[in-house]
Amino acid sequence: MPFAALPRPACTVRDGRYYAVALNFTRLHTVRQMRTAMLHESGHLHTGALHKVDSSFQLVAQNEHRADADSFRRCLPAEEIRQAMHQGYTEPWQLADYFDLDEDYIKKALHYWTECRGIDFNQ
């Protein structure tokens, strides 16, 4: 749902058993930015990794990591990244173009797969 007063580009909220994803189109200027935001927010929806606005930094960081990790496993699996690399898309900006996502999100995915999961994309 669009919500221009949101201080961030997107967020996921829960009211009881109902969930909503709010998008601030004054902060999402391209389809790529919107796709990236929705991919991340889908991670919150799938994991239930939500927190209150006044939650501790540690809890917020943990929930953000859970949301990202889930979205990487579902939508940017290591095998798909490896296939793109074998087609010549080896730089983060090239992978961002290939997957039509923000380069920073691709960098997070690469960090997740290489540093957190031990994947070697050079094999």
C-alpha atoms as a PDB file:
ATOM      1  CA  MET A   1       0.000   0.000   0.000  1.00  0.00           C
ATOM      2  CA  PRO A   2       1.374   3.462  -0.766  1.00  0.00           C
ATOM      3  CA  PHE A   3       2.295   5.584   2.257  1.00  0.00           C
ATOM      4  CA  ALA A   4       4.198   8.813   1.536  1.00  0.00           C
ATOM      5  CA  ALA A   5       4.663   9.744   5.225  1.00  0.00           C
ATOM      6  CA  LEU A   6       6.823   6.681   5.817  1.00  0.00           C
ATOM      7  CA  PRO A   7      10.366   7.718   6.840  1.00  0.00           C
ATOM      8  CA  ARG A   8      11.853   4.766   4.910  1.00  0.00           C
ATOM      9  CA  PRO A   9      11.353   3.482   1.360  1.00  0.00           C
ATOM     10  CA  ALA A  10       9.332   0.484   2.601  1.00  0.00           C
ATOM     11  CA  CYS A  11       8.263  -1.406   5.694  1.00  0.00           C
ATOM     12  CA  THR A  12       6.213  -4.399   6.733  1.00  0.00           C
ATOM     13  CA  VAL A  13       3.648  -4.029   9.498  1.00  0.00           C
ATOM     14  CA  ARG A  14       1.461  -6.461  11.366  1.00  0.00           C
ATOM     15  CA  ASP A  15      -1.871  -5.935  13.062  1.00  0.00           C
ATOM     16  CA  GLY A  16      -2.852  -9.130  14.785  1.00  0.00           C
ATOM     17  CA  ARG A  17      -2.852 -11.778  12.083  1.00  0.00           C
ATOM     18  CA  TYR A  18      -2.890  -9.279   9.209  1.00  0.00           C
ATOM     19  CA  TYR A  19       0.225  -8.020   7.439  1.00  0.00           C
ATOM     20  CA  ALA A  20       0.796  -5.119   5.059  1.00  0.00           C
ATOM     21  CA  VAL A  21       3.754  -3.816   3.117  1.00  0.00           C
ATOM     22  CA  ALA A  22       3.883  -0.040   2.870  1.00  0.00           C
ATOM     23  CA  LEU A  23       5.832   1.635   0.069  1.00  0.00           C
ATOM     24  CA  ASN A  24       6.919   5.260   0.055  1.00  0.00           C
ATOM     25  CA  PHE A  25       6.992   6.222  -3.619  1.00  0.00           C
ATOM     26  CA  THR A  26       8.661   9.542  -2.776  1.00  0.00           C
ATOM     27  CA  ARG A  27      11.727   7.448  -1.841  1.00  0.00           C
ATOM     28  CA  LEU A  28      11.381   4.723  -4.477  1.00  0.00           C
ATOM     29  CA  HIS A  29      12.199   6.406  -7.766  1.00  0.00           C
ATOM     30  CA  THR A  30      12.778   3.431 -10.074  1.00  0.00           C
ATOM     31  CA  VAL A  31      11.261   0.021 -10.681  1.00  0.00           C
ATOM     32  CA  ARG A  32      14.605  -1.468  -9.636  1.00  0.00           C
ATOM     33  CA  GLN A  33      14.403   0.272  -6.250  1.00  0.00           C
ATOM     34  CA  MET A  34      10.837  -0.943  -5.822  1.00  0.00           C
ATOM     35  CA  ARG A  35      11.778  -4.525  -6.759  1.00  0.00           C
ATOM     36  CA  THR A  36      14.645  -4.464  -4.275  1.00  0.00           C
ATOM     37  CA  ALA A  37      12.455  -3.061  -1.496  1.00  0.00           C
ATOM     38  CA  MET A  38       9.742  -5.639  -2.169  1.00  0.00           C
ATOM     39  CA  LEU A  39      12.266  -8.482  -2.205  1.00  0.00           C
ATOM     40  CA  HIS A  40      13.549  -7.408   1.209  1.00  0.00           C
ATOM     41  CA  GLU A  41      10.055  -6.888   2.636  1.00  0.00           C
ATOM     42  CA  SER A  42       9.001 -10.333   1.378  1.00  0.00           C
ATOM     43  CA  GLY A  43      11.762 -11.687   3.625  1.00  0.00           C
ATOM     44  CA  HIS A  44      10.068 -10.032   6.599  1.00  0.00           C
ATOM     45  CA  LEU A  45       6.727 -11.532   5.562  1.00  0.00           C
ATOM     46  CA  HIS A  46       8.103 -15.052   5.089  1.00  0.00           C
ATOM     47  CA  THR A  47      10.103 -15.130   8.321  1.00  0.00           C
ATOM     48  CA  GLY A  48       7.904 -13.002  10.573  1.00  0.00           C
ATOM     49  CA  ALA A  49      11.069 -11.083  11.460  1.00  0.00           C
ATOM     50  CA  LEU A  50       9.314  -7.939  12.656  1.00  0.00           C
ATOM     51  CA  HIS A  51      10.094  -5.586  15.509  1.00  0.00           C
ATOM     52  CA  LYS A  52       8.631  -2.583  17.246  1.00  0.00           C
ATOM     53  CA  VAL A  53       9.816   0.867  16.245  1.00  0.00           C
ATOM     54  CA  ASP A  54      11.553   1.339  19.604  1.00  0.00           C
ATOM     55  CA  SER A  55      13.300  -2.066  19.577  1.00  0.00           C
ATOM     56  CA  SER A  56      16.968  -2.356  20.433  1.00  0.00           C
ATOM     57  CA  PHE A  57      19.493  -1.935  17.654  1.00  0.00           C
ATOM     58  CA  GLN A  58      20.562  -5.566  18.066  1.00  0.00           C
ATOM     59  CA  LEU A  59      17.032  -6.898  17.556  1.00  0.00           C
ATOM     60  CA  VAL A  60      16.470  -4.644  14.545  1.00  0.00           C
ATOM     61  CA  ALA A  61      19.766  -5.760  12.978  1.00  0.00           C
ATOM     62  CA  GLN A  62      18.941  -9.436  13.586  1.00  0.00           C
ATOM     63  CA  ASN A  63      15.516  -9.087  11.987  1.00  0.00           C
ATOM     64  CA  GLU A  64      16.918  -7.223   8.999  1.00  0.00           C
ATOM     65  CA  HIS A  65      19.518  -9.971   8.530  1.00  0.00           C
ATOM     66  CA  ARG A  66      16.828 -12.671   8.752  1.00  0.00           C
ATOM     67  CA  ALA A  67      14.719 -10.885   6.140  1.00  0.00           C
ATOM     68  CA  ASP A  68      17.671 -10.464   3.780  1.00  0.00           C
ATOM     69  CA  ALA A  69      18.865 -14.056   4.241  1.00  0.00           C
ATOM     70  CA  ASP A  70      15.400 -15.395   3.475  1.00  0.00           C
ATOM     71  CA  SER A  71      15.066 -13.271   0.348  1.00  0.00           C
ATOM     72  CA  PHE A  72      18.522 -14.369  -0.836  1.00  0.00           C
ATOM     73  CA  ARG A  73      17.687 -18.054  -0.346  1.00  0.00           C
ATOM     74  CA  ARG A  74      14.346 -17.749  -2.143  1.00  0.00           C
ATOM     75  CA  CYS A  75      15.064 -15.188  -4.878  1.00  0.00           C
ATOM     76  CA  LEU A  76      18.847 -14.969  -5.312  1.00  0.00           C
ATOM     77  CA  PRO A  77      20.008 -18.535  -4.722  1.00  0.00           C
ATOM     78  CA  ALA A  78      23.693 -19.257  -5.087  1.00  0.00           C
ATOM     79  CA  GLU A  79      23.109 -21.443  -8.133  1.00  0.00           C
ATOM     80  CA  GLU A  80      21.367 -18.622 -10.036  1.00  0.00           C
ATOM     81  CA  ILE A  81      24.182 -16.219  -9.170  1.00  0.00           C
ATOM     82  CA  ARG A  82      26.707 -18.839 -10.316  1.00  0.00           C
ATOM     83  CA  GLN A  83      24.833 -19.269 -13.622  1.00  0.00           C
ATOM     84  CA  ALA A  84      24.842 -15.507 -14.196  1.00  0.00           C
ATOM     85  CA  MET A  85      28.575 -15.414 -13.472  1.00  0.00           C
ATOM     86  CA  HIS A  86      29.209 -18.200 -15.963  1.00  0.00           C
ATOM     87  CA  GLN A  87      27.395 -16.062 -18.548  1.00  0.00           C
ATOM     88  CA  GLY A  88      29.905 -13.260 -17.891  1.00  0.00           C
ATOM     89  CA  TYR A  89      28.070 -11.194 -15.272  1.00  0.00           C
ATOM     90  CA  THR A  90      30.827 -11.164 -12.687  1.00  0.00           C
ATOM     91  CA  GLU A  91      30.864  -7.635 -11.250  1.00  0.00           C
ATOM     92  CA  PRO A  92      28.237  -6.534  -8.713  1.00  0.00           C
ATOM     93  CA  TRP A  93      26.960  -3.829 -11.068  1.00  0.00           C
ATOM     94  CA  GLN A  94      26.597  -6.414 -13.845  1.00  0.00           C
ATOM     95  CA  LEU A  95      24.718  -8.780 -11.548  1.00  0.00           C
ATOM     96  CA  ALA A  96      22.496  -5.855 -10.503  1.00  0.00           C
ATOM     97  CA  ASP A  97      21.631  -5.309 -14.159  1.00  0.00           C
ATOM     98  CA  TYR A  98      21.110  -9.036 -14.724  1.00  0.00           C
ATOM     99  CA  PHE A  99      18.756  -9.467 -11.737  1.00  0.00           C
ATOM    100  CA  ASP A 100      17.319  -5.935 -11.992  1.00  0.00           C
ATOM    101  CA  LEU A 101      18.076  -5.164  -8.339  1.00  0.00           C
ATOM    102  CA  ASP A 102      20.071  -2.467  -6.555  1.00  0.00           C
ATOM    103  CA  GLU A 103      23.822  -3.042  -6.609  1.00  0.00           C
ATOM    104  CA  ASP A 104      24.037  -2.684  -2.813  1.00  0.00           C
ATOM    105  CA  TYR A 105      21.529  -5.512  -2.405  1.00  0.00           C
ATOM    106  CA  ILE A 106      23.570  -7.692  -4.764  1.00  0.00           C
ATOM    107  CA  LYS A 107      26.658  -6.938  -2.664  1.00  0.00           C
ATOM    108  CA  LYS A 108      24.750  -8.018   0.460  1.00  0.00           C
ATOM    109  CA  ALA A 109      23.717 -11.231  -1.287  1.00  0.00           C
ATOM    110  CA  LEU A 110      27.285 -11.947  -2.362  1.00  0.00           C
ATOM    111  CA  HIS A 111      28.500 -11.332   1.193  1.00  0.00           C
ATOM    112  CA  TYR A 112      25.777 -13.630   2.547  1.00  0.00           C
ATOM    113  CA  TRP A 113      26.639 -16.468   0.188  1.00  0.00           C
ATOM    114  CA  THR A 114      30.429 -16.192   0.411  1.00  0.00           C
ATOM    115  CA  GLU A 115      31.041 -15.114   4.014  1.00  0.00           C
ATOM    116  CA  CYS A 116      28.014 -16.557   5.826  1.00  0.00           C
ATOM    117  CA  ARG A 117      27.425 -19.729   3.775  1.00  0.00           C
ATOM    118  CA  GLY A 118      30.924 -20.478   2.460  1.00  0.00           C
ATOM    119  CA  ILE A 119      29.981 -20.523  -1.224  1.00  0.00           C
ATOM    120  CA  ASP A 120      32.890 -20.141  -3.647  1.00  0.00           C
ATOM    121  CA  PHE A 121      31.640 -18.640  -6.892  1.00  0.00           C
ATOM    122  CA  ASN A 122      35.004 -19.216  -8.564  1.00  0.00           C
ATOM    123  CA  GLN A 123      34.378 -22.969  -8.858  1.00  0.00           C
END
